[in-house]
Structures are given as structure tokens and as C-alpha cells.
Protein backbone atom coordinates (compact mmCIF):
# COMPACT_ATOMS: atom_id res chain seq x y z
CA MET A 1 12.14 -23.53 21.17
CA ARG A 2 12.15 -19.77 20.62
CA ILE A 3 13.04 -20.16 16.94
CA GLY A 4 10.10 -22.52 16.49
CA VAL A 5 7.76 -19.96 18.05
CA LEU A 6 9.15 -17.26 15.76
CA VAL A 7 8.66 -19.45 12.69
CA VAL A 8 5.06 -20.25 13.67
CA LEU A 9 4.40 -16.56 14.37
CA ALA A 10 5.88 -15.51 11.03
CA LEU A 11 3.81 -18.11 9.17
CA ALA A 12 0.64 -17.06 10.98
CA ILE A 13 1.24 -13.41 10.07
CA TYR A 14 1.94 -14.35 6.46
CA ILE A 15 -1.13 -16.57 6.13
CA PHE A 16 -3.63 -14.31 7.90
CA ARG A 17 -2.40 -10.86 6.81
CA ARG A 18 -4.54 -10.64 3.67
CA PRO A 19 -7.87 -11.68 5.24
CA LEU A 20 -7.23 -9.39 8.21
CA ALA A 21 -6.37 -6.49 5.92
CA ARG A 22 -9.58 -7.05 3.98
CA LEU A 23 -11.62 -6.90 7.17
CA GLY A 24 -10.11 -3.54 8.10
CA MET A 25 -10.25 -1.95 4.66
CA GLY A 26 -13.91 -2.38 3.82
CA LYS A 27 -14.81 -1.37 0.29
CA HIS A 28 -12.18 -0.12 -2.09
CA LYS A 29 -12.59 3.61 -2.51
CA THR A 30 -11.45 5.96 -5.20
CA LEU A 31 -8.97 8.57 -4.07
CA TYR A 32 -7.69 11.87 -5.47
CA CYS A 33 -3.94 12.21 -6.07
CA LEU A 34 -2.45 15.53 -4.96
CA GLN A 35 0.57 15.04 -7.25
CA CYS A 36 -0.97 14.29 -10.66
CA GLY A 37 -4.66 15.08 -10.09
CA SER A 38 -5.98 11.65 -11.06
CA VAL A 39 -8.98 10.02 -9.42
CA GLY A 40 -8.99 6.25 -9.12
CA PHE A 41 -8.32 3.19 -7.07
CA PRO A 42 -4.97 3.22 -5.28
CA LYS A 43 -2.46 0.42 -5.51
CA LYS A 44 -0.33 -1.02 -2.72
CA LYS A 45 3.41 -0.44 -2.75
CA MET A 46 5.71 -2.49 -0.56
CA PRO A 47 9.19 -1.08 0.11
CA GLY A 48 12.32 -3.17 -0.07
CA SER A 49 13.13 -6.10 -2.28
CA PHE A 50 11.78 -9.62 -2.44
CA GLY A 51 15.26 -10.84 -3.40
CA ILE A 52 16.80 -9.42 -0.22
CA GLU A 53 13.95 -10.89 1.79
CA LEU A 54 14.54 -14.31 0.27
CA VAL A 55 18.29 -14.20 0.94
CA LEU A 56 17.71 -13.17 4.55
CA TRP A 57 15.21 -16.00 5.03
CA LEU A 58 17.69 -18.51 3.55
CA CYS A 59 20.60 -17.28 5.68
CA LEU A 60 19.03 -16.87 9.08
CA ILE A 61 15.47 -16.98 10.37
CA LEU A 62 15.52 -13.88 12.60
CA PRO A 63 16.78 -11.35 10.00
CA GLY A 64 14.23 -12.69 7.52
CA VAL A 65 11.38 -12.30 10.02
CA ILE A 66 12.43 -8.76 10.94
CA TYR A 67 12.80 -7.69 7.29
CA SER A 68 9.47 -9.29 6.30
CA LEU A 69 7.61 -7.64 9.16
CA TRP A 70 9.13 -4.27 8.26
CA ARG A 71 8.09 -4.66 4.60
CA TRP A 72 4.53 -5.69 5.49
CA ASN A 73 4.16 -2.91 8.04
CA ALA A 74 5.53 -0.21 5.71
CA THR A 75 3.18 -1.07 2.81
CA GLN A 76 1.23 2.00 1.75
CA SER A 77 -1.42 3.01 -0.76
CA VAL A 78 -0.07 5.02 -3.68
CA CYS A 79 -1.48 6.57 -6.85
CA ALA A 80 -1.88 4.02 -9.64
CA ILE A 81 -0.50 6.51 -12.19
CA CYS A 82 2.38 8.41 -10.56
CA GLU A 83 2.94 6.22 -7.45
CA SER A 84 2.73 9.24 -5.14
CA PRO A 85 1.58 8.54 -1.57
CA GLY A 86 -0.37 11.83 -1.37
CA LEU A 87 -3.95 10.54 -1.70
CA ILE A 88 -7.10 12.13 -0.31
CA PRO A 89 -10.83 11.40 -0.70
CA PRO A 90 -12.35 13.05 -3.81
CA SER A 91 -15.06 14.58 -1.63
CA SER A 92 -12.54 16.59 0.41
CA PRO A 93 -12.55 20.40 -0.02
CA ARG A 94 -9.05 20.41 -1.50
CA ALA A 95 -9.93 17.83 -4.20
CA ILE A 96 -13.18 19.65 -5.05
CA ALA A 97 -11.34 22.96 -5.35
CA ALA A 98 -8.75 21.38 -7.66
CA ALA A 99 -11.50 19.80 -9.79
CA ASN A 100 -13.23 23.17 -10.21
CA LYS A 101 -10.08 24.92 -11.45
CA PRO A 102 -9.71 25.69 -15.17
CA ASP A 103 -8.07 23.33 -17.67
CA ASP A 104 -4.56 23.99 -16.41
CA TRP A 105 -5.23 21.51 -13.56
CA PRO A 106 -7.42 18.74 -14.99
CA VAL A 107 -8.62 15.80 -12.94
CA ARG A 108 -7.98 12.71 -15.04
CA PRO A 109 -9.64 9.41 -14.18
CA ALA A 110 -7.15 6.60 -13.59
CA HIS A 111 -9.58 4.08 -15.10
CA ARG A 112 -13.10 3.80 -16.37
CA VAL A 113 -15.75 3.16 -13.74
């Protein structure tokens, strides 16, 4: 009985995680990367490995659920160019100060808007 509840819970989380994430995120915003100085849309990076997740799901249900929940919960936005997690809004004082520096610290767009 408990395994059935866990399976249903895991499937519900998997099915509804994208629509729920969209509700909380609102519009996609450009962000400034503190590492490389680029300005652009971030990308999502999920830690771990899909192969390990698949093996854990095939072996036992509980380890697969725990590993999947950890991967989904630890997903973070990173720079599309250098994959650094240090992103701030381009309107922040630190990003504006970096953009106003001379050519030794250029702000490069990650893509064309």
C-alpha cells in the first residue's frame, strides 16, 4: 500500500512539476553573470545523472524516488555561456558598475534580443 502511494506521489510530482514551475517563475528574465560578464537568459542545470536515476528506478522504487526528488529540488539557474550559478539582475548596482567599467571588463550579450 505504501509503495503504491509513493509511486502515485512520484508520478504526480513528475507530471505537474513543469506547469507548477511555470506558474512560479513568471516571465523569463535576462540576468547578468558575475563570472563571465554576459547578459542573457539563464539555463537550468540539474545535478546528477539520468543513467543513475534510471538504474535506481529499475532496481528499487524508493531509491529512485529519493534520487529523483533530490535532482529536481537541486536544479538551479546557471549562465548559458560559462554555466556559473552566480547570476544577478542586470539592473543591480553591481552589474551596472561592471557594465560602466572600461573595455577590460566587457558585458557580452549571450544572445541577440
